[in-house]
Amino acid sequence: MHSSHPERLKAPARRRELTLTELLQGLEQSERSVLARAITLVESVRPDHRDLARCLVESILPRTGRAVRVGITGPPGVGKSTLIESLGLHLVGQGHRVAVLAVDPSSRRTGGSILGDKTRMEQLSREERAYIRPSPGGATPGGVARRSREALLLCEAAGFDVVIVETIGVGQSETAVAEMVDTFVLLVLPGSGDELQGVKRGVMELADLAVVTKADGDQRRLAARTRAQLLSALHLMPPATPGWRTPVLTVSSVEGQGMGSLWKSVLEHHEHLASSALLEERRSEQAAYWLDRALEDGLWARFLGDHRVAPRLEALRAEVRSGRRSPEGVAEELLDLNWNAPPADPSSRGT
């Protein structure tokens, strides 16, 4: 019996992969679909994709660096996505083109994204001058997508003049995001002095700008008190930016109050950096930081992929777990294997 709809039996056609030239042209013309595919490319772990991604990022570097880069962090429930949407809509209304790189927490088992930022920022996602990219954090430290900085550069190359990077606010994610932006913004919930103690000192020391959220309704007075406590706490810490005193603002994302003041403070900080040569210095130091992270990632991957290390690693790990061997001793043994044994497996060489 023949089907009257044979096309239903066909597998969906696979999209043709774009060439380097097509990717560069699409980014130059600010094509959102090409930007999405370029970010997917830099997030890929396939060796052929990694080679193309490296060429792409190297090629766009002259077209990057013109955007204002803002990092936003804060504890769960502080209203990061709501604030980012409200700020984004304010900026789009002023004629800016805004990209949001929202790093999602991911399932440790499946690696899948738990949250959908396009759902959480539904109104902003419909704006033609805005682009939202949720990235699953996966197994990378602190939930920060490993290629977030490359995605930021791609957004700049596509003509976005404001790039906002959201961190989920756990582990080392704050440090990683602070190392890819110009202005790092800490969000804090209205609360008593005891609750304010829960804000990690290390995160407060990174903040170029602090914002007390949800300053509306019966929380308005509480937010003002929290602002005063934050100002006192920050006064005792070294500034994140030399010559800059960290401002503390109160906002209401729901009412749309305070977005103009927030953006004004971001621009004042950016101007302080640019006028004192700190912007160039900060970005140069950040580039060096990411070189070190890339070396760590690459060396770790190659070490684990070494045919001399892989077969012994699990057995030695079991000995460490059981207490028969020390972690330091096993590490030295594996490193000696890697560096001192014959350089390569002859069977893995090409003919």
C-alpha atoms as a PDB file:
ATOM      1  CA  MET A   1       0.000   0.000   0.000  1.00  0.00           C
ATOM      2  CA  HIS A   2       1.461   3.298  -1.099  1.00  0.00           C
ATOM      3  CA  SER A   3       1.321   6.388   1.088  1.00  0.00           C
ATOM      4  CA  SER A   4      -0.416   9.343  -0.486  1.00  0.00           C
ATOM      5  CA  HIS A   5       2.044  11.597   1.380  1.00  0.00           C
ATOM      6  CA  PRO A   6       5.511  10.191   0.716  1.00  0.00           C
ATOM      7  CA  GLU A   7       7.117  13.471   1.833  1.00  0.00           C
ATOM      8  CA  ARG A   8       6.166  12.643   5.412  1.00  0.00           C
ATOM      9  CA  LEU A   9       8.585   9.746   5.332  1.00  0.00           C
ATOM     10  CA  LYS A  10      11.541  11.941   4.450  1.00  0.00           C
ATOM     11  CA  ALA A  11      13.922  13.137   7.125  1.00  0.00           C
ATOM     12  CA  PRO A  12      13.988  16.913   7.496  1.00  0.00           C
ATOM     13  CA  ALA A  13      16.583  18.548   5.277  1.00  0.00           C
ATOM     14  CA  ARG A  14      19.766  19.454   7.090  1.00  0.00           C
ATOM     15  CA  ARG A  15      20.643  23.135   6.953  1.00  0.00           C
ATOM     16  CA  ARG A  16      23.721  23.922   4.926  1.00  0.00           C
ATOM     17  CA  GLU A  17      26.546  25.223   7.093  1.00  0.00           C
ATOM     18  CA  LEU A  18      27.581  28.788   6.363  1.00  0.00           C
ATOM     19  CA  THR A  19      31.052  29.613   5.116  1.00  0.00           C
ATOM     20  CA  LEU A  20      33.336  32.087   6.875  1.00  0.00           C
ATOM     21  CA  THR A  21      32.590  34.683   4.177  1.00  0.00           C
ATOM     22  CA  GLU A  22      28.827  34.222   4.588  1.00  0.00           C
ATOM     23  CA  LEU A  23      29.086  34.520   8.354  1.00  0.00           C
ATOM     24  CA  LEU A  24      31.147  37.712   8.129  1.00  0.00           C
ATOM     25  CA  GLN A  25      28.803  39.269   5.564  1.00  0.00           C
ATOM     26  CA  GLY A  26      25.740  38.353   7.603  1.00  0.00           C
ATOM     27  CA  LEU A  27      27.196  39.872  10.774  1.00  0.00           C
ATOM     28  CA  GLU A  28      28.183  43.031   8.923  1.00  0.00           C
ATOM     29  CA  GLN A  29      24.569  43.343   7.712  1.00  0.00           C
ATOM     30  CA  SER A  30      23.251  42.698  11.249  1.00  0.00           C
ATOM     31  CA  GLU A  31      21.301  39.601  10.193  1.00  0.00           C
ATOM     32  CA  ARG A  32      19.885  38.101  13.386  1.00  0.00           C
ATOM     33  CA  SER A  33      19.671  34.588  11.961  1.00  0.00           C
ATOM     34  CA  VAL A  34      23.366  34.693  11.027  1.00  0.00           C
ATOM     35  CA  LEU A  35      24.271  36.019  14.489  1.00  0.00           C
ATOM     36  CA  ALA A  36      22.358  33.131  16.063  1.00  0.00           C
ATOM     37  CA  ARG A  37      24.188  30.603  13.882  1.00  0.00           C
ATOM     38  CA  ALA A  38      27.552  32.266  14.583  1.00  0.00           C
ATOM     39  CA  ILE A  39      26.993  31.984  18.354  1.00  0.00           C
ATOM     40  CA  THR A  40      25.929  28.345  17.939  1.00  0.00           C
ATOM     41  CA  LEU A  41      29.180  27.813  16.037  1.00  0.00           C
ATOM     42  CA  VAL A  42      31.385  29.247  18.803  1.00  0.00           C
ATOM     43  CA  GLU A  43      29.506  27.182  21.393  1.00  0.00           C
ATOM     44  CA  SER A  44      30.092  23.951  19.466  1.00  0.00           C
ATOM     45  CA  VAL A  45      32.722  21.462  20.618  1.00  0.00           C
ATOM     46  CA  ARG A  46      33.167  19.800  17.213  1.00  0.00           C
ATOM     47  CA  PRO A  47      36.820  20.162  16.108  1.00  0.00           C
ATOM     48  CA  ASP A  48      35.883  21.424  12.629  1.00  0.00           C
ATOM     49  CA  HIS A  49      33.499  23.951  14.187  1.00  0.00           C
ATOM     50  CA  ARG A  50      36.162  25.087  16.650  1.00  0.00           C
ATOM     51  CA  ASP A  51      38.582  25.763  13.757  1.00  0.00           C
ATOM     52  CA  LEU A  52      35.976  27.826  11.883  1.00  0.00           C
ATOM     53  CA  ALA A  53      34.941  29.610  15.091  1.00  0.00           C
ATOM     54  CA  ARG A  54      38.542  30.645  15.767  1.00  0.00           C
ATOM     55  CA  CYS A  55      38.862  32.086  12.264  1.00  0.00           C
ATOM     56  CA  LEU A  56      35.540  33.899  12.651  1.00  0.00           C
ATOM     57  CA  VAL A  57      36.403  35.495  15.993  1.00  0.00           C
ATOM     58  CA  GLU A  58      39.863  36.538  14.765  1.00  0.00           C
ATOM     59  CA  SER A  59      38.289  38.098  11.665  1.00  0.00           C
ATOM     60  CA  ILE A  60      35.710  40.201  13.539  1.00  0.00           C
ATOM     61  CA  LEU A  61      38.101  41.638  16.154  1.00  0.00           C
ATOM     62  CA  PRO A  62      38.610  44.949  14.265  1.00  0.00           C
ATOM     63  CA  ARG A  63      34.811  45.494  14.377  1.00  0.00           C
ATOM     64  CA  THR A  64      34.504  44.906  18.126  1.00  0.00           C
ATOM     65  CA  GLY A  65      35.041  47.041  21.226  1.00  0.00           C
ATOM     66  CA  ARG A  66      32.587  49.854  20.484  1.00  0.00           C
ATOM     67  CA  ALA A  67      29.719  48.639  22.673  1.00  0.00           C
ATOM     68  CA  VAL A  68      29.035  49.415  26.305  1.00  0.00           C
ATOM     69  CA  ARG A  69      29.430  46.064  28.097  1.00  0.00           C
ATOM     70  CA  VAL A  70      27.360  45.621  31.263  1.00  0.00           C
ATOM     71  CA  GLY A  71      27.348  42.627  33.612  1.00  0.00           C
ATOM     72  CA  ILE A  72      24.423  42.078  35.975  1.00  0.00           C
ATOM     73  CA  THR A  73      24.421  39.720  38.948  1.00  0.00           C
ATOM     74  CA  GLY A  74      22.417  39.117  42.102  1.00  0.00           C
ATOM     75  CA  PRO A  75      20.890  36.346  44.197  1.00  0.00           C
ATOM     76  CA  PRO A  76      17.943  34.250  42.949  1.00  0.00           C
ATOM     77  CA  GLY A  77      14.670  36.148  43.237  1.00  0.00           C
ATOM     78  CA  VAL A  78      16.260  39.587  43.054  1.00  0.00           C
ATOM     79  CA  GLY A  79      14.595  40.234  39.691  1.00  0.00           C
ATOM     80  CA  LYS A  80      17.514  40.172  37.265  1.00  0.00           C
ATOM     81  CA  SER A  81      15.486  39.270  34.177  1.00  0.00           C
ATOM     82  CA  THR A  82      12.712  41.731  35.008  1.00  0.00           C
ATOM     83  CA  LEU A  83      15.243  44.532  35.460  1.00  0.00           C
ATOM     84  CA  ILE A  84      17.127  43.614  32.286  1.00  0.00           C
ATOM     85  CA  GLU A  85      13.890  43.652  30.286  1.00  0.00           C
ATOM     86  CA  SER A  86      12.859  47.012  31.757  1.00  0.00           C
ATOM     87  CA  LEU A  87      16.320  48.503  31.117  1.00  0.00           C
ATOM     88  CA  GLY A  88      16.429  46.978  27.635  1.00  0.00           C
ATOM     89  CA  LEU A  89      13.073  48.478  26.693  1.00  0.00           C
ATOM     90  CA  HIS A  90      14.262  51.861  28.002  1.00  0.00           C
ATOM     91  CA  LEU A  91      17.419  51.650  25.863  1.00  0.00           C
ATOM     92  CA  VAL A  92      15.597  50.475  22.743  1.00  0.00           C
ATOM     93  CA  GLY A  93      13.266  53.429  23.197  1.00  0.00           C
ATOM     94  CA  GLN A  94      16.333  55.692  23.097  1.00  0.00           C
ATOM     95  CA  GLY A  95      17.483  54.175  19.807  1.00  0.00           C
ATOM     96  CA  HIS A  96      20.086  51.735  21.126  1.00  0.00           C
ATOM     97  CA  ARG A  97      20.514  48.204  19.833  1.00  0.00           C
ATOM     98  CA  VAL A  98      20.653  45.885  22.838  1.00  0.00           C
ATOM     99  CA  ALA A  99      21.945  42.310  23.049  1.00  0.00           C
ATOM    100  CA  VAL A 100      21.321  40.222  26.168  1.00  0.00           C
ATOM    101  CA  LEU A 101      23.440  37.163  26.868  1.00  0.00           C
ATOM    102  CA  ALA A 102      21.536  35.414  29.614  1.00  0.00           C
ATOM    103  CA  VAL A 103      23.443  32.484  31.050  1.00  0.00           C
ATOM    104  CA  ASP A 104      20.987  29.866  32.306  1.00  0.00           C
ATOM    105  CA  PRO A 105      21.519  27.401  35.092  1.00  0.00           C
ATOM    106  CA  SER A 106      21.537  23.917  33.598  1.00  0.00           C
ATOM    107  CA  SER A 107      20.595  20.474  34.685  1.00  0.00           C
ATOM    108  CA  ARG A 108      23.694  18.687  35.982  1.00  0.00           C
ATOM    109  CA  ARG A 109      22.326  15.427  34.574  1.00  0.00           C
ATOM    110  CA  THR A 110      21.086  16.413  31.148  1.00  0.00           C
ATOM    111  CA  GLY A 111      22.879  19.702  30.488  1.00  0.00           C
ATOM    112  CA  GLY A 112      19.582  21.199  29.361  1.00  0.00           C
ATOM    113  CA  SER A 113      18.521  24.729  30.185  1.00  0.00           C
ATOM    114  CA  ILE A 114      16.041  25.011  33.030  1.00  0.00           C
ATOM    115  CA  LEU A 115      15.003  28.580  32.337  1.00  0.00           C
ATOM    116  CA  GLY A 116      13.960  30.161  29.067  1.00  0.00           C
ATOM    117  CA  ASP A 117      15.019  33.806  28.944  1.00  0.00           C
ATOM    118  CA  LYS A 118      12.990  34.548  25.853  1.00  0.00           C
ATOM    119  CA  THR A 119       9.954  33.555  27.893  1.00  0.00           C
ATOM    120  CA  ARG A 120      11.112  35.577  30.885  1.00  0.00           C
ATOM    121  CA  MET A 121      11.802  38.640  28.687  1.00  0.00           C
ATOM    122  CA  GLU A 122       8.907  38.198  26.323  1.00  0.00           C
ATOM    123  CA  GLN A 123       8.266  41.875  25.642  1.00  0.00           C
ATOM    124  CA  LEU A 124      11.924  42.702  24.968  1.00  0.00           C
ATOM    125  CA  SER A 125      12.348  39.655  22.728  1.00  0.00           C
ATOM    126  CA  ARG A 126       9.715  41.065  20.364  1.00  0.00           C
ATOM    127  CA  GLU A 127      11.692  44.279  19.823  1.00  0.00           C
ATOM    128  CA  GLU A 128      13.455  44.496  16.461  1.00  0.00           C
ATOM    129  CA  ARG A 129      16.419  46.335  18.023  1.00  0.00           C
ATOM    130  CA  ALA A 130      16.947  43.732  20.755  1.00  0.00           C
ATOM    131  CA  TYR A 131      18.483  40.266  20.680  1.00  0.00           C
ATOM    132  CA  ILE A 132      18.288  37.756  23.529  1.00  0.00           C
ATOM    133  CA  ARG A 133      20.446  34.666  23.659  1.00  0.00           C
ATOM    134  CA  PRO A 134      19.940  32.121  26.448  1.00  0.00           C
ATOM    135  CA  SER A 135      23.004  29.925  26.871  1.00  0.00           C
ATOM    136  CA  PRO A 136      22.994  26.742  28.937  1.00  0.00           C
ATOM    137  CA  GLY A 137      25.704  26.884  31.571  1.00  0.00           C
ATOM    138  CA  GLY A 138      26.449  23.159  31.389  1.00  0.00           C
ATOM    139  CA  ALA A 139      29.441  21.973  33.359  1.00  0.00           C
ATOM    140  CA  THR A 140      31.432  25.178  33.058  1.00  0.00           C
ATOM    141  CA  PRO A 141      32.541  26.859  36.300  1.00  0.00           C
ATOM    142  CA  GLY A 142      29.787  28.821  37.987  1.00  0.00           C
ATOM    143  CA  GLY A 143      27.323  28.187  35.180  1.00  0.00           C
ATOM    144  CA  VAL A 144      28.937  30.716  32.858  1.00  0.00           C
ATOM    145  CA  ALA A 145      28.781  29.500  29.272  1.00  0.00           C
ATOM    146  CA  ARG A 146      32.330  28.819  28.166  1.00  0.00           C
ATOM    147  CA  ARG A 147      31.993  30.899  25.026  1.00  0.00           C
ATOM    148  CA  SER A 148      30.077  33.864  26.432  1.00  0.00           C
ATOM    149  CA  ARG A 149      32.906  36.291  25.705  1.00  0.00           C
ATOM    150  CA  GLU A 150      33.084  35.189  22.066  1.00  0.00           C
ATOM    151  CA  ALA A 151      29.298  35.579  21.831  1.00  0.00           C
ATOM    152  CA  LEU A 152      29.677  39.113  23.207  1.00  0.00           C
ATOM    153  CA  LEU A 153      32.207  39.950  20.476  1.00  0.00           C
ATOM    154  CA  LEU A 154      29.882  38.544  17.807  1.00  0.00           C
ATOM    155  CA  CYS A 155      27.043  40.749  19.080  1.00  0.00           C
ATOM    156  CA  GLU A 156      29.314  43.792  18.821  1.00  0.00           C
ATOM    157  CA  ALA A 157      30.322  42.822  15.295  1.00  0.00           C
ATOM    158  CA  ALA A 158      26.619  42.600  14.413  1.00  0.00           C
ATOM    159  CA  GLY A 159      26.150  46.235  15.432  1.00  0.00           C
ATOM    160  CA  PHE A 160      24.735  46.017  18.958  1.00  0.00           C
ATOM    161  CA  ASP A 161      25.978  49.025  20.919  1.00  0.00           C
ATOM    162  CA  VAL A 162      24.910  47.742  24.354  1.00  0.00           C
ATOM    163  CA  VAL A 163      25.641  44.169  25.461  1.00  0.00           C
ATOM    164  CA  ILE A 164      24.232  42.972  28.783  1.00  0.00           C
ATOM    165  CA  VAL A 165      25.552  39.742  30.314  1.00  0.00           C
ATOM    166  CA  GLU A 166      23.459  38.192  33.072  1.00  0.00           C
ATOM    167  CA  THR A 167      25.032  35.803  35.559  1.00  0.00           C
ATOM    168  CA  ILE A 168      23.034  33.353  37.640  1.00  0.00           C
ATOM    169  CA  GLY A 169      24.912  34.571  40.703  1.00  0.00           C
ATOM    170  CA  VAL A 170      26.497  31.389  42.032  1.00  0.00           C
ATOM    171  CA  GLY A 171      30.033  30.002  42.347  1.00  0.00           C
ATOM    172  CA  GLN A 172      32.650  31.673  40.164  1.00  0.00           C
ATOM    173  CA  SER A 173      30.162  33.060  37.645  1.00  0.00           C
ATOM    174  CA  GLU A 174      30.384  36.594  39.016  1.00  0.00           C
ATOM    175  CA  THR A 175      34.165  36.709  38.565  1.00  0.00           C
ATOM    176  CA  ALA A 176      33.956  35.350  35.026  1.00  0.00           C
ATOM    177  CA  VAL A 177      31.292  37.858  33.977  1.00  0.00           C
ATOM    178  CA  ALA A 178      33.163  40.734  35.646  1.00  0.00           C
ATOM    179  CA  GLU A 179      36.137  39.757  33.469  1.00  0.00           C
ATOM    180  CA  MET A 180      34.204  40.348  30.234  1.00  0.00           C
ATOM    181  CA  VAL A 181      32.332  43.607  30.904  1.00  0.00           C
ATOM    182  CA  ASP A 182      33.133  47.281  31.501  1.00  0.00           C
ATOM    183  CA  THR A 183      30.593  47.921  34.257  1.00  0.00           C
ATOM    184  CA  PHE A 184      29.565  45.251  36.762  1.00  0.00           C
ATOM    185  CA  VAL A 185      26.193  45.802  38.441  1.00  0.00           C
ATOM    186  CA  LEU A 186      25.165  44.072  41.678  1.00  0.00           C
ATOM    187  CA  LEU A 187      21.437  43.740  42.414  1.00  0.00           C
ATOM    188  CA  VAL A 188      20.287  43.450  46.029  1.00  0.00           C
ATOM    189  CA  LEU A 189      16.844  42.754  47.513  1.00  0.00           C
ATOM    190  CA  PRO A 190      15.343  45.129  50.060  1.00  0.00           C
ATOM    191  CA  GLY A 191      16.000  43.580  53.452  1.00  0.00           C
ATOM    192  CA  SER A 192      17.251  43.987  56.979  1.00  0.00           C
ATOM    193  CA  GLY A 193      20.887  44.296  57.980  1.00  0.00           C
ATOM    194  CA  ASP A 194      21.028  40.558  58.664  1.00  0.00           C
ATOM    195  CA  GLU A 195      19.904  39.762  55.111  1.00  0.00           C
ATOM    196  CA  LEU A 196      22.485  42.168  53.726  1.00  0.00           C
ATOM    197  CA  GLN A 197      25.194  40.101  55.405  1.00  0.00           C
ATOM    198  CA  GLY A 198      24.212  37.300  53.005  1.00  0.00           C
ATOM    199  CA  VAL A 199      25.625  39.267  50.063  1.00  0.00           C
ATOM    200  CA  LYS A 200      29.068  37.813  49.476  1.00  0.00           C
ATOM    201  CA  ARG A 201      31.842  40.282  50.247  1.00  0.00           C
ATOM    202  CA  GLY A 202      33.789  39.165  47.184  1.00  0.00           C
ATOM    203  CA  VAL A 203      30.857  40.040  44.924  1.00  0.00           C
ATOM    204  CA  MET A 204      30.414  43.442  46.568  1.00  0.00           C
ATOM    205  CA  GLU A 205      34.086  44.181  45.933  1.00  0.00           C
ATOM    206  CA  LEU A 206      33.517  43.581  42.197  1.00  0.00           C
ATOM    207  CA  ALA A 207      30.572  45.983  41.956  1.00  0.00           C
ATOM    208  CA  ASP A 208      30.953  49.220  39.994  1.00  0.00           C
ATOM    209  CA  LEU A 209      27.306  49.965  40.670  1.00  0.00           C
ATOM    210  CA  ALA A 210      24.840  48.562  43.243  1.00  0.00           C
ATOM    211  CA  VAL A 211      21.072  48.558  42.787  1.00  0.00           C
ATOM    212  CA  VAL A 212      18.355  47.794  45.333  1.00  0.00           C
ATOM    213  CA  THR A 213      15.468  46.255  43.389  1.00  0.00           C
ATOM    214  CA  LYS A 214      11.710  46.061  44.041  1.00  0.00           C
ATOM    215  CA  ALA A 215      11.631  49.550  45.582  1.00  0.00           C
ATOM    216  CA  ASP A 216       7.878  49.915  45.244  1.00  0.00           C
ATOM    217  CA  GLY A 217       4.738  49.685  47.367  1.00  0.00           C
ATOM    218  CA  ASP A 218       5.309  48.812  50.998  1.00  0.00           C
ATOM    219  CA  GLN A 219       8.936  47.865  50.219  1.00  0.00           C
ATOM    220  CA  ARG A 220       9.915  51.404  49.293  1.00  0.00           C
ATOM    221  CA  ARG A 221      11.002  52.359  52.800  1.00  0.00           C
ATOM    222  CA  LEU A 222      12.813  49.061  53.298  1.00  0.00           C
ATOM    223  CA  ALA A 223      14.674  49.606  50.018  1.00  0.00           C
ATOM    224  CA  ALA A 224      15.810  53.055  51.167  1.00  0.00           C
ATOM    225  CA  ARG A 225      17.149  51.561  54.404  1.00  0.00           C
ATOM    226  CA  THR A 226      18.958  48.806  52.497  1.00  0.00           C
ATOM    227  CA  ARG A 227      20.487  51.447  50.211  1.00  0.00           C
ATOM    228  CA  ALA A 228      21.910  53.282  53.229  1.00  0.00           C
ATOM    229  CA  GLN A 229      23.342  50.034  54.629  1.00  0.00           C
ATOM    230  CA  LEU A 230      24.915  49.194  51.277  1.00  0.00           C
ATOM    231  CA  LEU A 231      26.515  52.626  51.031  1.00  0.00           C
ATOM    232  CA  SER A 232      28.048  52.144  54.484  1.00  0.00           C
ATOM    233  CA  ALA A 233      29.327  48.662  53.617  1.00  0.00           C
ATOM    234  CA  LEU A 234      30.818  49.740  50.282  1.00  0.00           C
ATOM    235  CA  HIS A 235      32.504  52.741  51.917  1.00  0.00           C
ATOM    236  CA  LEU A 236      34.680  50.298  53.889  1.00  0.00           C
ATOM    237  CA  MET A 237      35.812  48.390  50.774  1.00  0.00           C
ATOM    238  CA  PRO A 238      38.376  49.290  48.133  1.00  0.00           C
ATOM    239  CA  PRO A 239      36.635  50.543  44.973  1.00  0.00           C
ATOM    240  CA  ALA A 240      36.279  48.113  42.081  1.00  0.00           C
ATOM    241  CA  THR A 241      37.395  50.932  39.783  1.00  0.00           C
ATOM    242  CA  PRO A 242      40.223  53.278  40.868  1.00  0.00           C
ATOM    243  CA  GLY A 243      38.968  56.816  41.448  1.00  0.00           C
ATOM    244  CA  TRP A 244      35.312  55.756  41.367  1.00  0.00           C
ATOM    245  CA  ARG A 245      32.923  55.607  44.315  1.00  0.00           C
ATOM    246  CA  THR A 246      30.314  52.901  43.753  1.00  0.00           C
ATOM    247  CA  PRO A 247      26.846  54.502  43.567  1.00  0.00           C
ATOM    248  CA  VAL A 248      23.846  52.745  45.132  1.00  0.00           C
ATOM    249  CA  LEU A 249      20.458  53.216  43.444  1.00  0.00           C
ATOM    250  CA  THR A 250      16.918  52.040  44.102  1.00  0.00           C
ATOM    251  CA  VAL A 251      14.696  50.906  41.221  1.00  0.00           C
ATOM    252  CA  SER A 252      11.307  49.382  40.533  1.00  0.00           C
ATOM    253  CA  SER A 253      11.375  47.262  37.384  1.00  0.00           C
ATOM    254  CA  VAL A 254       7.636  46.605  37.585  1.00  0.00           C
ATOM    255  CA  GLU A 255       6.847  50.326  37.633  1.00  0.00           C
ATOM    256  CA  GLY A 256       9.732  51.116  35.274  1.00  0.00           C
ATOM    257  CA  GLN A 257      11.152  53.570  37.811  1.00  0.00           C
ATOM    258  CA  GLY A 258      14.858  54.307  37.983  1.00  0.00           C
ATOM    259  CA  MET A 259      15.933  52.920  34.596  1.00  0.00           C
ATOM    260  CA  GLY A 260      17.032  56.355  33.391  1.00  0.00           C
ATOM    261  CA  SER A 261      19.147  56.872  36.528  1.00  0.00           C
ATOM    262  CA  LEU A 262      20.595  53.375  36.212  1.00  0.00           C
ATOM    263  CA  TRP A 263      21.671  53.915  32.616  1.00  0.00           C
ATOM    264  CA  LYS A 264      23.026  57.388  33.470  1.00  0.00           C
ATOM    265  CA  SER A 265      25.230  55.830  36.162  1.00  0.00           C
ATOM    266  CA  VAL A 266      26.451  53.149  33.729  1.00  0.00           C
ATOM    267  CA  LEU A 267      27.406  55.851  31.205  1.00  0.00           C
ATOM    268  CA  GLU A 268      29.130  57.942  33.897  1.00  0.00           C
ATOM    269  CA  HIS A 269      31.179  54.917  34.916  1.00  0.00           C
ATOM    270  CA  HIS A 270      32.006  54.161  31.275  1.00  0.00           C
ATOM    271  CA  GLU A 271      33.078  57.782  30.746  1.00  0.00           C
ATOM    272  CA  HIS A 272      35.247  57.612  33.886  1.00  0.00           C
ATOM    273  CA  LEU A 273      36.965  54.510  32.481  1.00  0.00           C
ATOM    274  CA  ALA A 274      37.447  55.995  29.018  1.00  0.00           C
ATOM    275  CA  SER A 275      38.704  59.406  30.195  1.00  0.00           C
ATOM    276  CA  SER A 276      41.289  57.903  32.550  1.00  0.00           C
ATOM    277  CA  ALA A 277      42.583  55.246  30.115  1.00  0.00           C
ATOM    278  CA  LEU A 278      41.183  52.583  32.464  1.00  0.00           C
ATOM    279  CA  LEU A 279      38.810  51.231  29.802  1.00  0.00           C
ATOM    280  CA  GLU A 280      41.638  50.190  27.496  1.00  0.00           C
ATOM    281  CA  GLU A 281      43.594  48.826  30.464  1.00  0.00           C
ATOM    282  CA  ARG A 282      40.612  46.857  31.801  1.00  0.00           C
ATOM    283  CA  ARG A 283      39.839  45.294  28.429  1.00  0.00           C
ATOM    284  CA  SER A 284      43.508  44.437  27.861  1.00  0.00           C
ATOM    285  CA  GLU A 285      43.689  42.710  31.252  1.00  0.00           C
ATOM    286  CA  GLN A 286      40.452  40.874  30.480  1.00  0.00           C
ATOM    287  CA  ALA A 287      41.870  39.602  27.180  1.00  0.00           C
ATOM    288  CA  ALA A 288      44.905  38.250  29.063  1.00  0.00           C
ATOM    289  CA  TYR A 289      42.591  36.637  31.635  1.00  0.00           C
ATOM    290  CA  TRP A 290      40.678  34.804  28.883  1.00  0.00           C
ATOM    291  CA  LEU A 291      43.945  33.707  27.269  1.00  0.00           C
ATOM    292  CA  ASP A 292      44.836  32.008  30.564  1.00  0.00           C
ATOM    293  CA  ARG A 293      41.375  30.377  30.758  1.00  0.00           C
ATOM    294  CA  ALA A 294      41.681  29.151  27.151  1.00  0.00           C
ATOM    295  CA  LEU A 295      45.102  27.672  27.929  1.00  0.00           C
ATOM    296  CA  GLU A 296      43.704  25.939  31.023  1.00  0.00           C
ATOM    297  CA  ASP A 297      40.773  24.514  29.055  1.00  0.00           C
ATOM    298  CA  GLY A 298      42.977  23.401  26.169  1.00  0.00           C
ATOM    299  CA  LEU A 299      45.681  21.838  28.325  1.00  0.00           C
ATOM    300  CA  TRP A 300      43.095  20.016  30.446  1.00  0.00           C
ATOM    301  CA  ALA A 301      41.320  18.642  27.363  1.00  0.00           C
ATOM    302  CA  ARG A 302      44.568  17.482  25.761  1.00  0.00           C
ATOM    303  CA  PHE A 303      45.805  15.991  29.009  1.00  0.00           C
ATOM    304  CA  LEU A 304      42.631  13.937  29.463  1.00  0.00           C
ATOM    305  CA  GLY A 305      42.756  12.921  25.799  1.00  0.00           C
ATOM    306  CA  ASP A 306      46.317  11.580  26.088  1.00  0.00           C
ATOM    307  CA  HIS A 307      46.313   7.819  25.448  1.00  0.00           C
ATOM    308  CA  ARG A 308      48.866   7.363  28.272  1.00  0.00           C
ATOM    309  CA  VAL A 309      46.722   9.157  30.854  1.00  0.00           C
ATOM    310  CA  ALA A 310      43.146   8.057  30.127  1.00  0.00           C
ATOM    311  CA  PRO A 311      43.527   4.313  30.909  1.00  0.00           C
ATOM    312  CA  ARG A 312      45.150   4.990  34.303  1.00  0.00           C
ATOM    313  CA  LEU A 313      43.093   7.954  35.460  1.00  0.00           C
ATOM    314  CA  GLU A 314      40.034   6.090  36.766  1.00  0.00           C
ATOM    315  CA  ALA A 315      42.065   3.466  38.626  1.00  0.00           C
ATOM    316  CA  LEU A 316      44.213   6.136  40.274  1.00  0.00           C
ATOM    317  CA  ARG A 317      41.141   8.224  41.065  1.00  0.00           C
ATOM    318  CA  ALA A 318      39.700   5.183  42.880  1.00  0.00           C
ATOM    319  CA  GLU A 319      42.899   4.911  44.927  1.00  0.00           C
ATOM    320  CA  VAL A 320      42.572   8.581  45.913  1.00  0.00           C
ATOM    321  CA  ARG A 321      38.932   8.097  46.903  1.00  0.00           C
ATOM    322  CA  SER A 322      39.829   5.114  49.081  1.00  0.00           C
ATOM    323  CA  GLY A 323      42.617   7.006  50.817  1.00  0.00           C
ATOM    324  CA  ARG A 324      45.402   4.735  49.556  1.00  0.00           C
ATOM    325  CA  ARG A 325      47.030   7.545  47.568  1.00  0.00           C
ATOM    326  CA  SER A 326      47.254  11.300  47.994  1.00  0.00           C
ATOM    327  CA  PRO A 327      45.769  13.596  45.307  1.00  0.00           C
ATOM    328  CA  GLU A 328      49.113  15.406  44.967  1.00  0.00           C
ATOM    329  CA  GLY A 329      51.076  12.184  44.491  1.00  0.00           C
ATOM    330  CA  VAL A 330      48.701  10.854  41.850  1.00  0.00           C
ATOM    331  CA  ALA A 331      48.693  14.187  40.040  1.00  0.00           C
ATOM    332  CA  GLU A 332      52.494  14.166  39.864  1.00  0.00           C
ATOM    333  CA  GLU A 333      52.476  10.594  38.536  1.00  0.00           C
ATOM    334  CA  LEU A 334      49.983  11.447  35.792  1.00  0.00           C
ATOM    335  CA  LEU A 335      51.801  14.638  34.862  1.00  0.00           C
ATOM    336  CA  ASP A 336      55.086  12.731  34.630  1.00  0.00           C
ATOM    337  CA  LEU A 337      53.351  10.240  32.347  1.00  0.00           C
ATOM    338  CA  ASN A 338      52.062  13.013  30.146  1.00  0.00           C
ATOM    339  CA  TRP A 339      55.254  15.031  29.791  1.00  0.00           C
ATOM    340  CA  ASN A 340      58.022  12.427  30.086  1.00  0.00           C
ATOM    341  CA  ALA A 341      56.632   9.442  28.154  1.00  0.00           C
ATOM    342  CA  PRO A 342      57.115   9.091  24.373  1.00  0.00           C
ATOM    343  CA  PRO A 343      55.351  12.018  22.715  1.00  0.00           C
ATOM    344  CA  ALA A 344      52.643  10.291  20.726  1.00  0.00           C
ATOM    345  CA  ASP A 345      50.876   7.087  19.949  1.00  0.00           C
ATOM    346  CA  PRO A 346      52.206   5.933  16.541  1.00  0.00           C
ATOM    347  CA  SER A 347      48.830   4.392  15.685  1.00  0.00           C
ATOM    348  CA  SER A 348      47.173   7.830  15.959  1.00  0.00           C
ATOM    349  CA  ARG A 349      49.417   9.402  13.314  1.00  0.00           C
ATOM    350  CA  GLY A 350      48.110  10.069   9.852  1.00  0.00           C
ATOM    351  CA  THR A 351      49.539   8.193   6.913  1.00  0.00           C
END
